[in-house]
């Protein structure tokens, strides 16, 4: 059964909101997603000032690759850079060659 989704800065024991994590670190995904972006997860270690309970939780996620960066945090998802529709247009120019022209000797 999946765990309940909760906010990362709220104590799971008493429900007290914690201002910021004690310590943060990065986890880098070894494989890119379907768009070729690498996911960097920022993790945090929290301690409740009320009951003293300690827990770890995701602070934010950053997906970077190509010409676009996506940051997912408490305030939602923000995208920076060009969109994927523009990337398809930048693939390059198509050049067609007729093999009959290559066989002719000048």
PDB file of N, CA and C in Angstrom:
ATOM      1  N   UNK A   1       0.831  -1.169   0.000  1.00  0.00           N
ATOM      2  CA  UNK A   1       0.000   0.000   0.000  1.00  0.00           C
ATOM      3  C   UNK A   1       0.885   1.245   0.000  1.00  0.00           C
ATOM      4  N   UNK A   2       0.621   2.242  -0.871  1.00  0.00           N
ATOM      5  CA  UNK A   2       1.491   3.409  -0.953  1.00  0.00           C
ATOM      6  C   UNK A   2       1.365   4.298   0.286  1.00  0.00           C
ATOM      7  N   UNK A   3       2.474   4.996   0.567  1.00  0.00           N
ATOM      8  CA  UNK A   3       2.484   5.894   1.713  1.00  0.00           C
ATOM      9  C   UNK A   3       1.658   7.144   1.404  1.00  0.00           C
ATOM     10  N   UNK A   4       1.167   7.796   2.462  1.00  0.00           N
ATOM     11  CA  UNK A   4       0.433   9.032   2.312  1.00  0.00           C
ATOM     12  C   UNK A   4       1.387  10.146   1.884  1.00  0.00           C
ATOM     13  N   UNK A   5       0.976  10.956   0.919  1.00  0.00           N
ATOM     14  CA  UNK A   5       1.777  12.094   0.512  1.00  0.00           C
ATOM     15  C   UNK A   5       1.645  13.178   1.573  1.00  0.00           C
ATOM     16  N   UNK A   6       2.758  13.738   1.993  1.00  0.00           N
ATOM     17  CA  UNK A   6       2.735  14.807   2.977  1.00  0.00           C
ATOM     18  C   UNK A   6       3.792  15.837   2.619  1.00  0.00           C
ATOM     19  N   UNK A   7       3.680  16.983   3.235  1.00  0.00           N
ATOM     20  CA  UNK A   7       4.675  18.021   3.014  1.00  0.00           C
ATOM     21  C   UNK A   7       5.971  17.621   3.695  1.00  0.00           C
ATOM     22  N   UNK A   8       7.098  17.957   3.077  1.00  0.00           N
ATOM     23  CA  UNK A   8       8.384  17.515   3.600  1.00  0.00           C
ATOM     24  C   UNK A   8       8.802  18.274   4.849  1.00  0.00           C
ATOM     25  N   UNK A   9       8.283  19.484   5.067  1.00  0.00           N
ATOM     26  CA  UNK A   9       8.721  20.282   6.205  1.00  0.00           C
ATOM     27  C   UNK A   9       7.759  20.235   7.396  1.00  0.00           C
ATOM     28  N   UNK A  10       6.856  19.252   7.429  1.00  0.00           N
ATOM     29  CA  UNK A  10       5.913  19.079   8.539  1.00  0.00           C
ATOM     30  C   UNK A  10       6.270  17.790   9.270  1.00  0.00           C
ATOM     31  N   UNK A  11       6.383  17.887  10.589  1.00  0.00           N
ATOM     32  CA  UNK A  11       6.755  16.730  11.408  1.00  0.00           C
ATOM     33  C   UNK A  11       5.700  15.633  11.289  1.00  0.00           C
ATOM     34  N   UNK A  12       6.113  14.387  10.975  1.00  0.00           N
ATOM     35  CA  UNK A  12       5.141  13.297  10.858  1.00  0.00           C
ATOM     36  C   UNK A  12       4.553  12.880  12.205  1.00  0.00           C
ATOM     37  N   UNK A  13       5.218  13.210  13.329  1.00  0.00           N
ATOM     38  CA  UNK A  13       4.701  12.843  14.660  1.00  0.00           C
ATOM     39  C   UNK A  13       3.682  13.843  15.186  1.00  0.00           C
ATOM     40  N   UNK A  14       4.086  15.126  15.253  1.00  0.00           N
ATOM     41  CA  UNK A  14       3.219  16.105  15.917  1.00  0.00           C
ATOM     42  C   UNK A  14       2.614  17.133  14.972  1.00  0.00           C
ATOM     43  N   UNK A  15       3.083  17.213  13.726  1.00  0.00           N
ATOM     44  CA  UNK A  15       2.508  18.140  12.755  1.00  0.00           C
ATOM     45  C   UNK A  15       3.067  19.546  12.812  1.00  0.00           C
ATOM     46  N   UNK A  16       4.164  19.759  13.516  1.00  0.00           N
ATOM     47  CA  UNK A  16       4.791  21.076  13.603  1.00  0.00           C
ATOM     48  C   UNK A  16       5.528  21.380  12.303  1.00  0.00           C
ATOM     49  N   UNK A  17       5.406  22.616  11.813  1.00  0.00           N
ATOM     50  CA  UNK A  17       6.091  23.023  10.584  1.00  0.00           C
ATOM     51  C   UNK A  17       7.509  23.461  10.925  1.00  0.00           C
ATOM     52  N   UNK A  18       8.493  22.927  10.207  1.00  0.00           N
ATOM     53  CA  UNK A  18       9.903  23.233  10.414  1.00  0.00           C
ATOM     54  C   UNK A  18      10.339  24.210   9.328  1.00  0.00           C
ATOM     55  N   UNK A  19      11.111  25.235   9.719  1.00  0.00           N
ATOM     56  CA  UNK A  19      11.517  26.285   8.781  1.00  0.00           C
ATOM     57  C   UNK A  19      12.407  25.776   7.655  1.00  0.00           C
ATOM     58  N   UNK A  20      13.506  25.124   8.012  1.00  0.00           N
ATOM     59  CA  UNK A  20      14.444  24.640   6.993  1.00  0.00           C
ATOM     60  C   UNK A  20      15.138  23.372   7.477  1.00  0.00           C
ATOM     61  N   UNK A  21      15.692  22.590   6.543  1.00  0.00           N
ATOM     62  CA  UNK A  21      16.377  21.351   6.946  1.00  0.00           C
ATOM     63  C   UNK A  21      17.707  21.649   7.634  1.00  0.00           C
ATOM     64  N   UNK A  22      18.135  20.708   8.468  1.00  0.00           N
ATOM     65  CA  UNK A  22      19.427  20.824   9.145  1.00  0.00           C
ATOM     66  C   UNK A  22      20.556  20.648   8.134  1.00  0.00           C
ATOM     67  N   UNK A  23      20.386  19.677   7.252  1.00  0.00           N
ATOM     68  CA  UNK A  23      21.430  19.325   6.286  1.00  0.00           C
ATOM     69  C   UNK A  23      20.757  19.001   4.960  1.00  0.00           C
ATOM     70  N   UNK A  24      21.393  19.344   3.830  1.00  0.00           N
ATOM     71  CA  UNK A  24      20.890  18.975   2.504  1.00  0.00           C
ATOM     72  C   UNK A  24      22.001  18.298   1.712  1.00  0.00           C
ATOM     73  N   UNK A  25      21.614  17.440   0.768  1.00  0.00           N
ATOM     74  CA  UNK A  25      22.561  16.782  -0.127  1.00  0.00           C
ATOM     75  C   UNK A  25      21.844  16.457  -1.430  1.00  0.00           C
ATOM     76  N   UNK A  26      22.629  16.185  -2.466  1.00  0.00           N
ATOM     77  CA  UNK A  26      22.098  15.918  -3.807  1.00  0.00           C
ATOM     78  C   UNK A  26      22.225  14.449  -4.162  1.00  0.00           C
ATOM     79  N   UNK A  27      21.199  13.931  -4.827  1.00  0.00           N
ATOM     80  CA  UNK A  27      21.230  12.596  -5.408  1.00  0.00           C
ATOM     81  C   UNK A  27      21.036  12.753  -6.910  1.00  0.00           C
ATOM     82  N   UNK A  28      21.962  12.227  -7.697  1.00  0.00           N
ATOM     83  CA  UNK A  28      21.895  12.357  -9.149  1.00  0.00           C
ATOM     84  C   UNK A  28      21.470  11.018  -9.737  1.00  0.00           C
ATOM     85  N   UNK A  29      20.446  11.061 -10.582  1.00  0.00           N
ATOM     86  CA  UNK A  29      19.942   9.855 -11.224  1.00  0.00           C
ATOM     87  C   UNK A  29      20.964   9.357 -12.250  1.00  0.00           C
ATOM     88  N   UNK A  30      21.281   8.067 -12.251  1.00  0.00           N
ATOM     89  CA  UNK A  30      22.274   7.556 -13.201  1.00  0.00           C
ATOM     90  C   UNK A  30      21.751   7.444 -14.636  1.00  0.00           C
ATOM     91  N   UNK A  31      20.425   7.395 -14.810  1.00  0.00           N
ATOM     92  CA  UNK A  31      19.836   7.255 -16.143  1.00  0.00           C
ATOM     93  C   UNK A  31      18.935   8.443 -16.457  1.00  0.00           C
ATOM     94  N   UNK A  32      18.974   8.951 -17.681  1.00  0.00           N
ATOM     95  CA  UNK A  32      18.088  10.064 -18.047  1.00  0.00           C
ATOM     96  C   UNK A  32      16.649   9.596 -18.245  1.00  0.00           C
ATOM     97  N   UNK A  33      15.715  10.563 -18.215  1.00  0.00           N
ATOM     98  CA  UNK A  33      14.312  10.237 -18.469  1.00  0.00           C
ATOM     99  C   UNK A  33      14.064  10.150 -19.972  1.00  0.00           C
ATOM    100  N   UNK A  34      12.815  10.041 -20.386  1.00  0.00           N
ATOM    101  CA  UNK A  34      12.485   9.858 -21.803  1.00  0.00           C
ATOM    102  C   UNK A  34      12.826  11.085 -22.650  1.00  0.00           C
ATOM    103  N   UNK A  35      12.971  12.252 -22.017  1.00  0.00           N
ATOM    104  CA  UNK A  35      13.345  13.464 -22.754  1.00  0.00           C
ATOM    105  C   UNK A  35      14.852  13.688 -22.761  1.00  0.00           C
ATOM    106  N   UNK A  36      15.622  12.806 -22.140  1.00  0.00           N
ATOM    107  CA  UNK A  36      17.073  12.929 -22.103  1.00  0.00           C
ATOM    108  C   UNK A  36      17.570  13.824 -20.985  1.00  0.00           C
ATOM    109  N   UNK A  37      16.724  14.104 -19.997  1.00  0.00           N
ATOM    110  CA  UNK A  37      17.111  14.981 -18.900  1.00  0.00           C
ATOM    111  C   UNK A  37      17.610  14.161 -17.707  1.00  0.00           C
ATOM    112  N   UNK A  38      18.583  14.703 -16.994  1.00  0.00           N
ATOM    113  CA  UNK A  38      19.097  14.086 -15.781  1.00  0.00           C
ATOM    114  C   UNK A  38      18.338  14.680 -14.595  1.00  0.00           C
ATOM    115  N   UNK A  39      17.909  13.835 -13.659  1.00  0.00           N
ATOM    116  CA  UNK A  39      17.174  14.291 -12.483  1.00  0.00           C
ATOM    117  C   UNK A  39      18.121  14.398 -11.301  1.00  0.00           C
ATOM    118  N   UNK A  40      18.148  15.585 -10.683  1.00  0.00           N
ATOM    119  CA  UNK A  40      18.925  15.829  -9.472  1.00  0.00           C
ATOM    120  C   UNK A  40      17.920  16.048  -8.343  1.00  0.00           C
ATOM    121  N   UNK A  41      17.937  15.173  -7.344  1.00  0.00           N
ATOM    122  CA  UNK A  41      17.020  15.270  -6.216  1.00  0.00           C
ATOM    123  C   UNK A  41      17.759  15.875  -5.035  1.00  0.00           C
ATOM    124  N   UNK A  42      17.223  16.959  -4.480  1.00  0.00           N
ATOM    125  CA  UNK A  42      17.801  17.592  -3.299  1.00  0.00           C
ATOM    126  C   UNK A  42      17.062  17.037  -2.086  1.00  0.00           C
ATOM    127  N   UNK A  43      17.793  16.311  -1.243  1.00  0.00           N
ATOM    128  CA  UNK A  43      17.232  15.703  -0.041  1.00  0.00           C
ATOM    129  C   UNK A  43      17.595  16.565   1.168  1.00  0.00           C
ATOM    130  N   UNK A  44      16.779  16.460   2.233  1.00  0.00           N
ATOM    131  CA  UNK A  44      17.045  17.224   3.442  1.00  0.00           C
ATOM    132  C   UNK A  44      16.797  16.407   4.685  1.00  0.00           C
ATOM    133  N   UNK A  45      17.561  16.700   5.727  1.00  0.00           N
ATOM    134  CA  UNK A  45      17.382  16.067   7.028  1.00  0.00           C
ATOM    135  C   UNK A  45      16.756  17.112   7.951  1.00  0.00           C
ATOM    136  N   UNK A  46      15.607  16.779   8.539  1.00  0.00           N
ATOM    137  CA  UNK A  46      14.856  17.706   9.378  1.00  0.00           C
ATOM    138  C   UNK A  46      14.844  17.228  10.824  1.00  0.00           C
ATOM    139  N   UNK A  47      14.702  18.173  11.777  1.00  0.00           N
ATOM    140  CA  UNK A  47      14.509  17.850  13.182  1.00  0.00           C
ATOM    141  C   UNK A  47      13.420  18.759  13.730  1.00  0.00           C
ATOM    142  N   UNK A  48      12.427  18.156  14.372  1.00  0.00           N
ATOM    143  CA  UNK A  48      11.298  18.903  14.917  1.00  0.00           C
ATOM    144  C   UNK A  48      11.731  19.647  16.188  1.00  0.00           C
ATOM    145  N   UNK A  49      11.485  20.962  16.270  1.00  0.00           N
ATOM    146  CA  UNK A  49      11.848  21.695  17.487  1.00  0.00           C
ATOM    147  C   UNK A  49      10.905  21.392  18.660  1.00  0.00           C
ATOM    148  N   UNK A  50       9.725  20.851  18.350  1.00  0.00           N
ATOM    149  CA  UNK A  50       8.730  20.572  19.387  1.00  0.00           C
ATOM    150  C   UNK A  50       8.969  19.220  20.065  1.00  0.00           C
ATOM    151  N   UNK A  51       9.038  18.136  19.265  1.00  0.00           N
ATOM    152  CA  UNK A  51       9.148  16.790  19.858  1.00  0.00           C
ATOM    153  C   UNK A  51      10.522  16.151  19.661  1.00  0.00           C
ATOM    154  N   UNK A  52      11.408  16.743  18.846  1.00  0.00           N
ATOM    155  CA  UNK A  52      12.751  16.210  18.658  1.00  0.00           C
ATOM    156  C   UNK A  52      12.851  15.094  17.634  1.00  0.00           C
ATOM    157  N   UNK A  53      11.773  14.756  16.947  1.00  0.00           N
ATOM    158  CA  UNK A  53      11.773  13.688  15.939  1.00  0.00           C
ATOM    159  C   UNK A  53      12.614  14.121  14.731  1.00  0.00           C
ATOM    160  N   UNK A  54      13.384  13.181  14.167  1.00  0.00           N
ATOM    161  CA  UNK A  54      14.211  13.455  12.987  1.00  0.00           C
ATOM    162  C   UNK A  54      13.692  12.624  11.821  1.00  0.00           C
ATOM    163  N   UNK A  55      13.706  13.228  10.607  1.00  0.00           N
ATOM    164  CA  UNK A  55      13.277  12.524   9.403  1.00  0.00           C
ATOM    165  C   UNK A  55      13.966  13.113   8.190  1.00  0.00           C
ATOM    166  N   UNK A  56      13.948  12.345   7.112  1.00  0.00           N
ATOM    167  CA  UNK A  56      14.518  12.772   5.828  1.00  0.00           C
ATOM    168  C   UNK A  56      13.381  12.914   4.832  1.00  0.00           C
ATOM    169  N   UNK A  57      13.526  13.894   3.926  1.00  0.00           N
ATOM    170  CA  UNK A  57      12.486  14.107   2.921  1.00  0.00           C
ATOM    171  C   UNK A  57      13.088  14.830   1.717  1.00  0.00           C
ATOM    172  N   UNK A  58      12.354  14.796   0.599  1.00  0.00           N
ATOM    173  CA  UNK A  58      12.761  15.472  -0.627  1.00  0.00           C
ATOM    174  C   UNK A  58      12.476  16.966  -0.467  1.00  0.00           C
ATOM    175  N   UNK A  59      13.491  17.796  -0.726  1.00  0.00           N
ATOM    176  CA  UNK A  59      13.328  19.245  -0.672  1.00  0.00           C
ATOM    177  C   UNK A  59      12.862  19.747  -2.034  1.00  0.00           C
ATOM    178  N   UNK A  60      13.550  19.322  -3.112  1.00  0.00           N
ATOM    179  CA  UNK A  60      13.167  19.715  -4.471  1.00  0.00           C
ATOM    180  C   UNK A  60      13.794  18.755  -5.472  1.00  0.00           C
ATOM    181  N   UNK A  61      13.327  18.862  -6.726  1.00  0.00           N
ATOM    182  CA  UNK A  61      13.887  18.063  -7.824  1.00  0.00           C
ATOM    183  C   UNK A  61      14.209  18.994  -8.980  1.00  0.00           C
ATOM    184  N   UNK A  62      15.350  18.741  -9.611  1.00  0.00           N
ATOM    185  CA  UNK A  62      15.781  19.529 -10.764  1.00  0.00           C
ATOM    186  C   UNK A  62      15.994  18.559 -11.918  1.00  0.00           C
ATOM    187  N   UNK A  63      15.346  18.840 -13.047  1.00  0.00           N
ATOM    188  CA  UNK A  63      15.538  18.033 -14.258  1.00  0.00           C
ATOM    189  C   UNK A  63      16.232  18.915 -15.277  1.00  0.00           C
ATOM    190  N   UNK A  64      17.478  18.561 -15.617  1.00  0.00           N
ATOM    191  CA  UNK A  64      18.277  19.380 -16.524  1.00  0.00           C
ATOM    192  C   UNK A  64      18.759  18.541 -17.695  1.00  0.00           C
ATOM    193  N   UNK A  65      18.731  19.155 -18.866  1.00  0.00           N
ATOM    194  CA  UNK A  65      19.221  18.486 -20.056  1.00  0.00           C
ATOM    195  C   UNK A  65      18.748  19.195 -21.300  1.00  0.00           C
ATOM    196  N   UNK A  66      19.545  19.139 -22.340  1.00  0.00           N
ATOM    197  CA  UNK A  66      19.188  19.834 -23.564  1.00  0.00           C
ATOM    198  C   UNK A  66      19.233  21.328 -23.336  1.00  0.00           C
ATOM    199  N   UNK A  67      18.193  22.018 -23.746  1.00  0.00           N
ATOM    200  CA  UNK A  67      18.146  23.465 -23.560  1.00  0.00           C
ATOM    201  C   UNK A  67      17.080  23.865 -22.547  1.00  0.00           C
ATOM    202  N   UNK A  68      16.628  22.914 -21.726  1.00  0.00           N
ATOM    203  CA  UNK A  68      15.560  23.201 -20.777  1.00  0.00           C
ATOM    204  C   UNK A  68      15.918  22.692 -19.389  1.00  0.00           C
ATOM    205  N   UNK A  69      15.517  23.460 -18.373  1.00  0.00           N
ATOM    206  CA  UNK A  69      15.700  23.071 -16.971  1.00  0.00           C
ATOM    207  C   UNK A  69      14.349  23.192 -16.283  1.00  0.00           C
ATOM    208  N   UNK A  70      13.970  22.159 -15.532  1.00  0.00           N
ATOM    209  CA  UNK A  70      12.693  22.143 -14.814  1.00  0.00           C
ATOM    210  C   UNK A  70      12.977  21.955 -13.331  1.00  0.00           C
ATOM    211  N   UNK A  71      12.464  22.891 -12.504  1.00  0.00           N
ATOM    212  CA  UNK A  71      12.673  22.838 -11.061  1.00  0.00           C
ATOM    213  C   UNK A  71      11.328  22.576 -10.400  1.00  0.00           C
ATOM    214  N   UNK A  72      11.262  21.501  -9.605  1.00  0.00           N
ATOM    215  CA  UNK A  72      10.037  21.131  -8.901  1.00  0.00           C
ATOM    216  C   UNK A  72      10.284  21.270  -7.409  1.00  0.00           C
ATOM    217  N   UNK A  73       9.544  22.178  -6.772  1.00  0.00           N
ATOM    218  CA  UNK A  73       9.712  22.418  -5.341  1.00  0.00           C
ATOM    219  C   UNK A  73       8.378  22.593  -4.656  1.00  0.00           C
ATOM    220  N   UNK A  74       8.396  23.277  -3.501  1.00  0.00           N
ATOM    221  CA  UNK A  74       7.176  23.496  -2.726  1.00  0.00           C
ATOM    222  C   UNK A  74       6.183  24.373  -3.471  1.00  0.00           C
ATOM    223  N   UNK A  75       6.687  25.342  -4.218  1.00  0.00           N
ATOM    224  CA  UNK A  75       5.819  26.305  -4.891  1.00  0.00           C
ATOM    225  C   UNK A  75       5.321  25.823  -6.247  1.00  0.00           C
ATOM    226  N   UNK A  76       5.667  24.621  -6.649  1.00  0.00           N
ATOM    227  CA  UNK A  76       5.212  24.081  -7.924  1.00  0.00           C
ATOM    228  C   UNK A  76       6.374  23.810  -8.864  1.00  0.00           C
ATOM    229  N   UNK A  77       6.055  23.722 -10.161  1.00  0.00           N
ATOM    230  CA  UNK A  77       7.045  23.403 -11.186  1.00  0.00           C
ATOM    231  C   UNK A  77       7.322  24.658 -12.000  1.00  0.00           C
ATOM    232  N   UNK A  78       8.615  24.974 -12.165  1.00  0.00           N
ATOM    233  CA  UNK A  78       9.023  26.113 -12.989  1.00  0.00           C
ATOM    234  C   UNK A  78       9.932  25.592 -14.092  1.00  0.00           C
ATOM    235  N   UNK A  79       9.703  26.076 -15.313  1.00  0.00           N
ATOM    236  CA  UNK A  79      10.517  25.665 -16.454  1.00  0.00           C
ATOM    237  C   UNK A  79      11.318  26.859 -16.955  1.00  0.00           C
ATOM    238  N   UNK A  80      12.580  26.616 -17.257  1.00  0.00           N
ATOM    239  CA  UNK A  80      13.471  27.623 -17.791  1.00  0.00           C
ATOM    240  C   UNK A  80      14.048  27.113 -19.102  1.00  0.00           C
ATOM    241  N   UNK A  81      14.191  27.979 -20.082  1.00  0.00           N
ATOM    242  CA  UNK A  81      14.774  27.587 -21.363  1.00  0.00           C
ATOM    243  C   UNK A  81      13.704  27.371 -22.412  1.00  0.00           C
ATOM    244  N   UNK A  82      14.109  26.748 -23.517  1.00  0.00           N
ATOM    245  CA  UNK A  82      13.216  26.526 -24.650  1.00  0.00           C
ATOM    246  C   UNK A  82      12.319  25.322 -24.404  1.00  0.00           C
ATOM    247  N   UNK A  83      11.180  25.301 -25.077  1.00  0.00           N
ATOM    248  CA  UNK A  83      10.262  24.168 -24.951  1.00  0.00           C
ATOM    249  C   UNK A  83      10.640  23.069 -25.929  1.00  0.00           C
ATOM    250  N   UNK A  84      10.039  21.890 -25.780  1.00  0.00           N
ATOM    251  CA  UNK A  84      10.346  20.736 -26.633  1.00  0.00           C
ATOM    252  C   UNK A  84       9.873  20.939 -28.069  1.00  0.00           C
ATOM    253  N   UNK A  85       8.843  21.743 -28.281  1.00  0.00           N
ATOM    254  CA  UNK A  85       8.357  21.986 -29.636  1.00  0.00           C
ATOM    255  C   UNK A  85       9.412  22.702 -30.467  1.00  0.00           C
ATOM    256  N   UNK A  86      10.171  23.600 -29.841  1.00  0.00           N
ATOM    257  CA  UNK A  86      11.211  24.322 -30.554  1.00  0.00           C
ATOM    258  C   UNK A  86      12.398  23.409 -30.852  1.00  0.00           C
ATOM    259  N   UNK A  87      12.659  22.421 -29.992  1.00  0.00           N
ATOM    260  CA  UNK A  87      13.767  21.499 -30.226  1.00  0.00           C
ATOM    261  C   UNK A  87      13.556  20.684 -31.496  1.00  0.00           C
ATOM    262  N   UNK A  88      12.307  20.305 -31.784  1.00  0.00           N
ATOM    263  CA  UNK A  88      12.031  19.534 -32.991  1.00  0.00           C
ATOM    264  C   UNK A  88      12.283  20.363 -34.239  1.00  0.00           C
ATOM    265  N   UNK A  89      12.067  21.674 -34.163  1.00  0.00           N
ATOM    266  CA  UNK A  89      12.307  22.539 -35.297  1.00  0.00           C
ATOM    267  C   UNK A  89      13.806  22.732 -35.537  1.00  0.00           C
ATOM    268  N   UNK A  90      14.616  22.615 -34.494  1.00  0.00           N
ATOM    269  CA  UNK A  90      16.049  22.839 -34.595  1.00  0.00           C
ATOM    270  C   UNK A  90      16.826  21.587 -34.977  1.00  0.00           C
ATOM    271  N   UNK A  91      16.141  20.537 -35.427  1.00  0.00           N
ATOM    272  CA  UNK A  91      16.824  19.289 -35.762  1.00  0.00           C
ATOM    273  C   UNK A  91      17.790  19.457 -36.921  1.00  0.00           C
ATOM    274  N   UNK A  92      17.472  20.297 -37.877  1.00  0.00           N
ATOM    275  CA  UNK A  92      18.381  20.528 -38.988  1.00  0.00           C
ATOM    276  C   UNK A  92      17.650  20.545 -40.308  1.00  0.00           C
ATOM    277  N   UNK A  93      18.395  20.874 -41.359  1.00  0.00           N
ATOM    278  CA  UNK A  93      17.833  20.971 -42.696  1.00  0.00           C
ATOM    279  C   UNK A  93      17.931  19.616 -43.399  1.00  0.00           C
ATOM    280  N   UNK A  94      16.891  19.235 -44.114  1.00  0.00           N
ATOM    281  CA  UNK A  94      16.877  17.969 -44.843  1.00  0.00           C
ATOM    282  C   UNK A  94      17.398  18.226 -46.255  1.00  0.00           C
ATOM    283  N   UNK A  95      18.419  17.463 -46.639  1.00  0.00           N
ATOM    284  CA  UNK A  95      19.001  17.583 -47.966  1.00  0.00           C
ATOM    285  C   UNK A  95      18.717  16.287 -48.717  1.00  0.00           C
ATOM    286  N   UNK A  96      18.090  16.392 -49.885  1.00  0.00           N
ATOM    287  CA  UNK A  96      17.779  15.216 -50.685  1.00  0.00           C
ATOM    288  C   UNK A  96      18.776  15.132 -51.841  1.00  0.00           C
ATOM    289  N   UNK A  97      19.304  13.926 -52.059  1.00  0.00           N
ATOM    290  CA  UNK A  97      20.249  13.695 -53.147  1.00  0.00           C
ATOM    291  C   UNK A  97      19.669  12.667 -54.102  1.00  0.00           C
ATOM    292  N   UNK A  98      19.897  12.897 -55.386  1.00  0.00           N
ATOM    293  CA  UNK A  98      19.483  11.941 -56.395  1.00  0.00           C
ATOM    294  C   UNK A  98      20.710  11.110 -56.746  1.00  0.00           C
ATOM    295  N   UNK A  99      20.646   9.780 -56.599  1.00  0.00           N
ATOM    296  CA  UNK A  99      21.799   8.921 -56.868  1.00  0.00           C
ATOM    297  C   UNK A  99      22.189   8.938 -58.341  1.00  0.00           C
ATOM    298  N   UNK A 100      21.250   9.264 -59.214  1.00  0.00           N
ATOM    299  CA  UNK A 100      21.559   9.371 -60.635  1.00  0.00           C
ATOM    300  C   UNK A 100      22.554  10.480 -60.938  1.00  0.00           C
ATOM    301  N   UNK A 101      22.520  11.533 -60.148  1.00  0.00           N
ATOM    302  CA  UNK A 101      23.470  12.647 -60.326  1.00  0.00           C
ATOM    303  C   UNK A 101      24.873  12.236 -59.913  1.00  0.00           C
ATOM    304  N   UNK A 102      25.012  11.300 -59.004  1.00  0.00           N
ATOM    305  CA  UNK A 102      26.339  10.882 -58.547  1.00  0.00           C
ATOM    306  C   UNK A 102      27.029   9.969 -59.572  1.00  0.00           C
ATOM    307  N   UNK A 103      26.258   9.232 -60.395  1.00  0.00           N
ATOM    308  CA  UNK A 103      26.843   8.302 -61.339  1.00  0.00           C
ATOM    309  C   UNK A 103      27.417   9.002 -62.560  1.00  0.00           C
ATOM    310  N   UNK A 104      26.954  10.184 -62.874  1.00  0.00           N
ATOM    311  CA  UNK A 104      27.421  10.899 -64.064  1.00  0.00           C
ATOM    312  C   UNK A 104      28.857  11.369 -63.866  1.00  0.00           C
ATOM    313  N   UNK A 105      29.663  11.215 -64.888  1.00  0.00           N
ATOM    314  CA  UNK A 105      31.050  11.682 -64.821  1.00  0.00           C
ATOM    315  C   UNK A 105      31.165  12.944 -65.651  1.00  0.00           C
ATOM    316  N   UNK A 106      31.883  13.889 -65.140  1.00  0.00           N
ATOM    317  CA  UNK A 106      32.062  15.151 -65.855  1.00  0.00           C
ATOM    318  C   UNK A 106      33.449  15.309 -66.368  1.00  0.00           C
TER     319      UNK A 106
END
